[in-house]
Amino acid sequence: MQKTKELVNNPISEEALELIGGTGTGQVFKGFKDKMTQTPLKKWLQSAGITKHITFHCAQHTFGSLQVEAGTNIYVVQKMLVHKNVETTQIYAALADETKRESVNRITLKAPKNPMPTPPNVPTFTVVNPIGTDE
């Protein structure tokens, strides 16, 4: 609400509803102001030993990125983040593309450069699956 001064009404997931104790009537966070989140967040970060500067606005970026990576339609994400232009939301899609590029390179047929040694007294076995069989 801070940037656009627009009230946002987004649905809450079933899991989130369980975490806050189920459904009720009316607004979930009556009288909510953005500044009300910063003090508790700072305390949580401090007690967790996190020194990185994090705000609840970071949560919006995380939410947008996770939605795009999960395959949510870019226009749905745009509306949920209250972006006036889809180009703003497409930044999250570009990040998702980079994550996809990184992830495909994690699978390789090459032997690892530094394979983990097999601990002593642990049996090893080799699975042989000839090409052309269903097993």
N, C-alpha and C. Protein backbone atom coordinates (compact mmCIF):
# COMPACT_ATOMS: atom_id res chain seq x y z
N MET A 1 0.82 -1.19 0.00
CA MET A 1 0.00 0.00 0.00
C MET A 1 0.87 1.25 0.00
N GLN A 2 2.09 1.18 0.45
CA GLN A 2 2.92 2.36 0.60
C GLN A 2 3.20 3.06 -0.72
N LYS A 3 3.61 2.33 -1.76
CA LYS A 3 3.97 2.96 -3.03
C LYS A 3 2.75 3.49 -3.77
N THR A 4 1.70 2.69 -3.84
CA THR A 4 0.55 3.06 -4.65
C THR A 4 -0.55 3.73 -3.85
N LYS A 5 -0.47 3.67 -2.54
CA LYS A 5 -1.53 4.18 -1.65
C LYS A 5 -2.85 3.50 -1.95
N GLU A 6 -2.77 2.31 -2.50
CA GLU A 6 -3.95 1.55 -2.90
C GLU A 6 -4.13 0.37 -1.95
N LEU A 7 -5.34 0.19 -1.47
CA LEU A 7 -5.63 -0.94 -0.59
C LEU A 7 -5.64 -2.21 -1.42
N VAL A 8 -4.92 -3.23 -0.96
CA VAL A 8 -4.80 -4.48 -1.69
C VAL A 8 -5.59 -5.56 -0.96
N ASN A 9 -6.46 -6.22 -1.68
CA ASN A 9 -7.22 -7.34 -1.13
C ASN A 9 -6.84 -8.58 -1.89
N ASN A 10 -5.92 -9.36 -1.35
CA ASN A 10 -5.49 -10.62 -1.95
C ASN A 10 -6.00 -11.77 -1.11
N PRO A 11 -6.30 -12.89 -1.75
CA PRO A 11 -6.71 -14.07 -0.98
C PRO A 11 -5.56 -14.60 -0.14
N ILE A 12 -5.89 -15.36 0.87
CA ILE A 12 -4.90 -15.99 1.74
C ILE A 12 -4.96 -17.50 1.48
N SER A 13 -3.81 -18.13 1.36
CA SER A 13 -3.78 -19.57 1.10
C SER A 13 -4.37 -20.35 2.28
N GLU A 14 -4.80 -21.56 2.00
CA GLU A 14 -5.33 -22.42 3.05
C GLU A 14 -4.30 -22.64 4.15
N GLU A 15 -3.04 -22.82 3.76
CA GLU A 15 -1.97 -23.03 4.73
C GLU A 15 -1.81 -21.81 5.63
N ALA A 16 -1.84 -20.62 5.03
CA ALA A 16 -1.72 -19.39 5.82
C ALA A 16 -2.90 -19.24 6.77
N LEU A 17 -4.09 -19.59 6.30
CA LEU A 17 -5.27 -19.53 7.17
C LEU A 17 -5.11 -20.44 8.38
N GLU A 18 -4.57 -21.62 8.15
CA GLU A 18 -4.32 -22.54 9.28
C GLU A 18 -3.35 -21.92 10.28
N LEU A 19 -2.31 -21.26 9.76
CA LEU A 19 -1.30 -20.68 10.64
C LEU A 19 -1.84 -19.53 11.49
N ILE A 20 -2.83 -18.79 10.96
CA ILE A 20 -3.38 -17.67 11.74
C ILE A 20 -4.63 -18.06 12.50
N GLY A 21 -4.98 -19.34 12.48
CA GLY A 21 -6.09 -19.80 13.30
C GLY A 21 -7.42 -19.89 12.58
N GLY A 22 -7.42 -19.94 11.27
CA GLY A 22 -8.66 -20.12 10.53
C GLY A 22 -9.31 -18.82 10.11
N THR A 23 -10.48 -18.95 9.53
CA THR A 23 -11.19 -17.78 9.01
C THR A 23 -12.01 -17.11 10.09
N GLY A 24 -12.32 -15.87 9.85
CA GLY A 24 -13.18 -15.10 10.73
C GLY A 24 -14.04 -14.21 9.86
N THR A 25 -14.51 -13.13 10.41
CA THR A 25 -15.30 -12.19 9.63
C THR A 25 -14.58 -10.86 9.57
N GLY A 26 -14.80 -10.14 8.50
CA GLY A 26 -14.19 -8.81 8.35
C GLY A 26 -12.75 -8.89 7.91
N GLN A 27 -12.05 -7.79 8.11
CA GLN A 27 -10.64 -7.71 7.71
C GLN A 27 -9.78 -8.57 8.62
N VAL A 28 -8.74 -9.13 8.03
CA VAL A 28 -7.81 -9.95 8.82
C VAL A 28 -6.96 -9.04 9.69
N PHE A 29 -6.47 -7.96 9.12
CA PHE A 29 -5.57 -7.05 9.84
C PHE A 29 -6.21 -5.66 9.89
N LYS A 30 -7.14 -5.46 10.80
CA LYS A 30 -7.84 -4.18 10.91
C LYS A 30 -6.86 -3.08 11.34
N GLY A 31 -6.98 -1.92 10.69
CA GLY A 31 -6.14 -0.79 11.04
C GLY A 31 -4.68 -0.98 10.70
N PHE A 32 -4.38 -1.90 9.81
CA PHE A 32 -2.99 -2.21 9.45
C PHE A 32 -2.29 -1.03 8.80
N LYS A 33 -1.09 -0.75 9.24
CA LYS A 33 -0.22 0.27 8.65
C LYS A 33 1.12 -0.39 8.37
N ASP A 34 1.72 -0.05 7.23
CA ASP A 34 3.01 -0.65 6.85
C ASP A 34 4.04 -0.52 7.96
N LYS A 35 4.08 0.64 8.62
CA LYS A 35 5.11 0.87 9.64
C LYS A 35 4.96 -0.06 10.84
N MET A 36 3.78 -0.68 11.00
CA MET A 36 3.56 -1.60 12.11
C MET A 36 4.37 -2.88 11.96
N THR A 37 4.86 -3.17 10.77
CA THR A 37 5.59 -4.41 10.52
C THR A 37 7.08 -4.27 10.77
N GLN A 38 7.61 -3.08 10.66
CA GLN A 38 9.06 -2.91 10.68
C GLN A 38 9.69 -3.21 12.05
N THR A 39 9.07 -2.76 13.13
CA THR A 39 9.66 -3.00 14.45
C THR A 39 9.70 -4.49 14.80
N PRO A 40 8.59 -5.22 14.65
CA PRO A 40 8.68 -6.67 14.93
C PRO A 40 9.67 -7.37 14.02
N LEU A 41 9.70 -6.98 12.75
CA LEU A 41 10.63 -7.61 11.81
C LEU A 41 12.07 -7.39 12.26
N LYS A 42 12.40 -6.18 12.66
CA LYS A 42 13.77 -5.89 13.14
C LYS A 42 14.11 -6.75 14.35
N LYS A 43 13.15 -6.94 15.25
CA LYS A 43 13.38 -7.78 16.43
C LYS A 43 13.60 -9.24 16.04
N TRP A 44 12.80 -9.73 15.09
CA TRP A 44 12.94 -11.12 14.64
C TRP A 44 14.30 -11.33 13.99
N LEU A 45 14.71 -10.38 13.16
CA LEU A 45 16.01 -10.50 12.49
C LEU A 45 17.14 -10.48 13.51
N GLN A 46 17.05 -9.57 14.46
CA GLN A 46 18.08 -9.46 15.48
C GLN A 46 18.17 -10.74 16.31
N SER A 47 17.02 -11.28 16.72
CA SER A 47 17.05 -12.50 17.54
C SER A 47 17.53 -13.70 16.74
N ALA A 48 17.39 -13.66 15.41
CA ALA A 48 17.87 -14.75 14.56
C ALA A 48 19.32 -14.55 14.16
N GLY A 49 19.90 -13.41 14.53
CA GLY A 49 21.30 -13.14 14.19
C GLY A 49 21.49 -12.72 12.74
N ILE A 50 20.43 -12.26 12.09
CA ILE A 50 20.51 -11.83 10.69
C ILE A 50 20.84 -10.35 10.66
N THR A 51 21.93 -10.01 10.01
CA THR A 51 22.37 -8.60 9.98
C THR A 51 22.04 -7.92 8.65
N LYS A 52 21.61 -8.68 7.66
CA LYS A 52 21.26 -8.11 6.37
C LYS A 52 20.05 -7.20 6.51
N HIS A 53 20.04 -6.08 5.78
CA HIS A 53 18.91 -5.15 5.82
C HIS A 53 17.74 -5.77 5.06
N ILE A 54 16.68 -6.11 5.77
CA ILE A 54 15.51 -6.74 5.18
C ILE A 54 14.28 -5.96 5.65
N THR A 55 13.37 -5.71 4.71
CA THR A 55 12.10 -5.06 5.03
C THR A 55 10.96 -5.95 4.57
N PHE A 56 9.76 -5.60 4.98
CA PHE A 56 8.62 -6.37 4.50
C PHE A 56 8.41 -6.17 3.01
N HIS A 57 8.95 -5.10 2.44
CA HIS A 57 8.87 -4.92 1.00
C HIS A 57 9.64 -6.05 0.30
N CYS A 58 10.69 -6.55 0.95
CA CYS A 58 11.43 -7.70 0.40
C CYS A 58 10.50 -8.90 0.26
N ALA A 59 9.54 -9.01 1.16
CA ALA A 59 8.59 -10.13 1.09
C ALA A 59 7.77 -10.06 -0.19
N GLN A 60 7.46 -8.86 -0.65
CA GLN A 60 6.72 -8.71 -1.91
C GLN A 60 7.55 -9.26 -3.07
N HIS A 61 8.83 -8.96 -3.07
CA HIS A 61 9.70 -9.47 -4.14
C HIS A 61 9.81 -10.99 -4.06
N THR A 62 9.94 -11.52 -2.87
CA THR A 62 10.02 -12.97 -2.69
C THR A 62 8.72 -13.62 -3.16
N PHE A 63 7.59 -13.05 -2.76
CA PHE A 63 6.29 -13.57 -3.17
C PHE A 63 6.16 -13.58 -4.69
N GLY A 64 6.51 -12.46 -5.32
CA GLY A 64 6.42 -12.37 -6.78
C GLY A 64 7.31 -13.39 -7.47
N SER A 65 8.54 -13.51 -6.98
CA SER A 65 9.48 -14.46 -7.58
C SER A 65 9.01 -15.89 -7.44
N LEU A 66 8.53 -16.24 -6.25
CA LEU A 66 8.05 -17.61 -6.01
C LEU A 66 6.82 -17.91 -6.86
N GLN A 67 5.93 -16.93 -7.01
CA GLN A 67 4.75 -17.15 -7.84
C GLN A 67 5.13 -17.41 -9.29
N VAL A 68 6.03 -16.58 -9.83
CA VAL A 68 6.44 -16.75 -11.23
C VAL A 68 7.15 -18.09 -11.41
N GLU A 69 8.06 -18.43 -10.48
CA GLU A 69 8.78 -19.70 -10.58
C GLU A 69 7.84 -20.90 -10.45
N ALA A 70 6.73 -20.72 -9.73
CA ALA A 70 5.77 -21.81 -9.56
C ALA A 70 4.84 -21.92 -10.78
N GLY A 71 4.96 -20.97 -11.71
CA GLY A 71 4.17 -21.05 -12.93
C GLY A 71 2.91 -20.22 -12.94
N THR A 72 2.72 -19.35 -11.96
CA THR A 72 1.55 -18.48 -11.94
C THR A 72 1.61 -17.53 -13.12
N ASN A 73 0.49 -17.32 -13.77
CA ASN A 73 0.40 -16.43 -14.91
C ASN A 73 0.93 -15.04 -14.54
N ILE A 74 1.74 -14.46 -15.42
CA ILE A 74 2.39 -13.18 -15.13
C ILE A 74 1.37 -12.07 -14.87
N TYR A 75 0.21 -12.13 -15.52
CA TYR A 75 -0.81 -11.09 -15.32
C TYR A 75 -1.50 -11.24 -13.96
N VAL A 76 -1.61 -12.46 -13.48
CA VAL A 76 -2.16 -12.68 -12.13
C VAL A 76 -1.18 -12.12 -11.10
N VAL A 77 0.11 -12.40 -11.29
CA VAL A 77 1.13 -11.87 -10.37
C VAL A 77 1.11 -10.35 -10.41
N GLN A 78 0.98 -9.77 -11.59
CA GLN A 78 0.92 -8.30 -11.74
C GLN A 78 -0.20 -7.73 -10.87
N LYS A 79 -1.38 -8.34 -10.94
CA LYS A 79 -2.53 -7.84 -10.18
C LYS A 79 -2.32 -8.02 -8.68
N MET A 80 -1.74 -9.14 -8.29
CA MET A 80 -1.53 -9.38 -6.85
C MET A 80 -0.50 -8.43 -6.26
N LEU A 81 0.48 -8.04 -7.07
CA LEU A 81 1.52 -7.12 -6.59
C LEU A 81 1.15 -5.66 -6.83
N VAL A 82 0.01 -5.43 -7.46
CA VAL A 82 -0.51 -4.10 -7.78
C VAL A 82 0.48 -3.31 -8.63
N HIS A 83 1.05 -3.98 -9.62
CA HIS A 83 1.92 -3.28 -10.57
C HIS A 83 1.03 -2.67 -11.66
N LYS A 84 1.25 -1.42 -11.96
CA LYS A 84 0.45 -0.76 -13.00
C LYS A 84 0.82 -1.27 -14.39
N ASN A 85 2.09 -1.62 -14.58
CA ASN A 85 2.57 -2.11 -15.87
C ASN A 85 3.12 -3.52 -15.73
N VAL A 86 2.79 -4.38 -16.68
CA VAL A 86 3.27 -5.76 -16.63
C VAL A 86 4.79 -5.81 -16.77
N GLU A 87 5.38 -4.78 -17.38
CA GLU A 87 6.84 -4.76 -17.53
C GLU A 87 7.54 -4.82 -16.17
N THR A 88 6.94 -4.21 -15.17
CA THR A 88 7.52 -4.26 -13.82
C THR A 88 7.52 -5.69 -13.31
N THR A 89 6.43 -6.40 -13.55
CA THR A 89 6.30 -7.78 -13.09
C THR A 89 7.22 -8.71 -13.87
N GLN A 90 7.49 -8.38 -15.12
CA GLN A 90 8.33 -9.23 -15.96
C GLN A 90 9.76 -9.32 -15.43
N ILE A 91 10.15 -8.42 -14.56
CA ILE A 91 11.47 -8.52 -13.91
C ILE A 91 11.55 -9.84 -13.15
N TYR A 92 10.45 -10.24 -12.51
CA TYR A 92 10.42 -11.51 -11.78
C TYR A 92 10.57 -12.69 -12.73
N ALA A 93 9.98 -12.56 -13.92
CA ALA A 93 10.08 -13.63 -14.92
C ALA A 93 11.52 -13.77 -15.39
N ALA A 94 12.22 -12.65 -15.55
CA ALA A 94 13.63 -12.70 -15.96
C ALA A 94 14.46 -13.41 -14.89
N LEU A 95 14.16 -13.14 -13.63
CA LEU A 95 14.86 -13.82 -12.55
C LEU A 95 14.57 -15.31 -12.59
N ALA A 96 13.33 -15.66 -12.90
CA ALA A 96 12.96 -17.08 -12.97
C ALA A 96 13.70 -17.76 -14.11
N ASP A 97 13.86 -17.06 -15.24
CA ASP A 97 14.60 -17.64 -16.36
C ASP A 97 16.04 -17.94 -15.96
N GLU A 98 16.67 -17.03 -15.23
CA GLU A 98 18.05 -17.25 -14.79
C GLU A 98 18.12 -18.45 -13.85
N THR A 99 17.15 -18.57 -12.96
CA THR A 99 17.10 -19.71 -12.04
C THR A 99 16.94 -21.00 -12.82
N LYS A 100 16.13 -20.97 -13.87
CA LYS A 100 15.95 -22.16 -14.70
C LYS A 100 17.26 -22.55 -15.37
N ARG A 101 17.98 -21.54 -15.89
CA ARG A 101 19.26 -21.83 -16.54
C ARG A 101 20.23 -22.47 -15.55
N GLU A 102 20.29 -21.92 -14.35
CA GLU A 102 21.19 -22.47 -13.33
C GLU A 102 20.77 -23.89 -12.97
N SER A 103 19.48 -24.14 -12.86
CA SER A 103 19.02 -25.44 -12.39
C SER A 103 19.29 -26.54 -13.40
N VAL A 104 19.17 -26.25 -14.70
CA VAL A 104 19.40 -27.32 -15.68
C VAL A 104 20.85 -27.77 -15.70
N ASN A 105 21.75 -26.89 -15.32
CA ASN A 105 23.17 -27.26 -15.29
C ASN A 105 23.54 -28.08 -14.06
N ARG A 106 22.62 -28.25 -13.13
CA ARG A 106 22.90 -29.07 -11.95
C ARG A 106 22.86 -30.56 -12.27
N ILE A 107 22.22 -30.91 -13.36
CA ILE A 107 22.14 -32.31 -13.76
C ILE A 107 23.22 -32.56 -14.80
N THR A 108 24.08 -33.53 -14.53
CA THR A 108 25.18 -33.82 -15.43
C THR A 108 25.47 -35.31 -15.46
N LEU A 109 26.00 -35.76 -16.57
CA LEU A 109 26.41 -37.15 -16.69
C LEU A 109 27.89 -37.31 -16.35
N LYS A 110 28.56 -36.20 -16.17
CA LYS A 110 29.98 -36.23 -15.83
C LYS A 110 30.15 -36.62 -14.36
N ALA A 111 31.24 -37.31 -14.09
CA ALA A 111 31.55 -37.68 -12.71
C ALA A 111 31.91 -36.42 -11.94
N PRO A 112 31.51 -36.33 -10.69
CA PRO A 112 31.86 -35.15 -9.90
C PRO A 112 33.37 -35.02 -9.77
N LYS A 113 33.84 -33.77 -9.73
CA LYS A 113 35.28 -33.53 -9.63
C LYS A 113 35.84 -34.02 -8.30
N ASN A 114 35.07 -33.83 -7.26
CA ASN A 114 35.51 -34.26 -5.92
C ASN A 114 34.41 -35.14 -5.33
N PRO A 115 34.34 -36.39 -5.76
CA PRO A 115 33.27 -37.24 -5.23
C PRO A 115 33.44 -37.46 -3.73
N MET A 116 32.30 -37.55 -3.06
CA MET A 116 32.35 -37.82 -1.62
C MET A 116 32.82 -39.24 -1.41
N PRO A 117 33.78 -39.46 -0.53
CA PRO A 117 34.25 -40.82 -0.27
C PRO A 117 33.16 -41.64 0.41
N THR A 118 33.12 -42.92 0.12
CA THR A 118 32.17 -43.81 0.77
C THR A 118 32.66 -44.07 2.18
N PRO A 119 31.80 -43.84 3.18
CA PRO A 119 32.22 -44.12 4.56
C PRO A 119 32.56 -45.59 4.73
N PRO A 120 33.48 -45.93 5.63
CA PRO A 120 33.83 -47.34 5.85
C PRO A 120 32.63 -48.12 6.37
N ASN A 121 32.61 -49.40 6.05
CA ASN A 121 31.57 -50.33 6.50
C ASN A 121 30.18 -50.01 5.94
N VAL A 122 30.13 -49.30 4.82
CA VAL A 122 28.84 -49.03 4.18
C VAL A 122 28.85 -49.79 2.86
N PRO A 123 27.92 -50.72 2.68
CA PRO A 123 27.91 -51.49 1.44
C PRO A 123 27.58 -50.57 0.26
N THR A 124 28.21 -50.86 -0.86
CA THR A 124 27.92 -50.12 -2.08
C THR A 124 27.36 -51.09 -3.10
N PHE A 125 26.60 -50.57 -4.04
CA PHE A 125 26.05 -51.41 -5.08
C PHE A 125 25.90 -50.58 -6.34
N THR A 126 25.79 -51.28 -7.43
CA THR A 126 25.60 -50.64 -8.72
C THR A 126 24.31 -51.14 -9.31
N VAL A 127 23.47 -50.23 -9.79
CA VAL A 127 22.23 -50.59 -10.43
C VAL A 127 22.47 -50.58 -11.93
N VAL A 128 22.18 -51.70 -12.56
CA VAL A 128 22.35 -51.80 -14.01
C VAL A 128 20.97 -51.86 -14.62
N ASN A 129 20.69 -50.93 -15.54
CA ASN A 129 19.41 -50.87 -16.20
C ASN A 129 19.68 -50.81 -17.70
N PRO A 130 19.71 -51.97 -18.36
CA PRO A 130 20.01 -51.97 -19.79
C PRO A 130 18.99 -51.15 -20.56
N ILE A 131 19.46 -50.42 -21.54
CA ILE A 131 18.57 -49.59 -22.35
C ILE A 131 17.58 -50.51 -23.05
N GLY A 132 16.32 -50.09 -23.08
CA GLY A 132 15.29 -50.87 -23.76
C GLY A 132 14.43 -51.68 -22.81
N THR A 133 14.75 -51.66 -21.50
CA THR A 133 13.92 -52.38 -20.55
C THR A 133 13.07 -51.35 -19.80
N ASP A 134 11.97 -51.80 -19.23
CA ASP A 134 11.09 -50.92 -18.49
C ASP A 134 11.46 -50.79 -17.03
N GLU A 135 12.44 -51.53 -16.59
CA GLU A 135 12.76 -51.54 -15.15
C GLU A 135 13.94 -50.66 -14.86
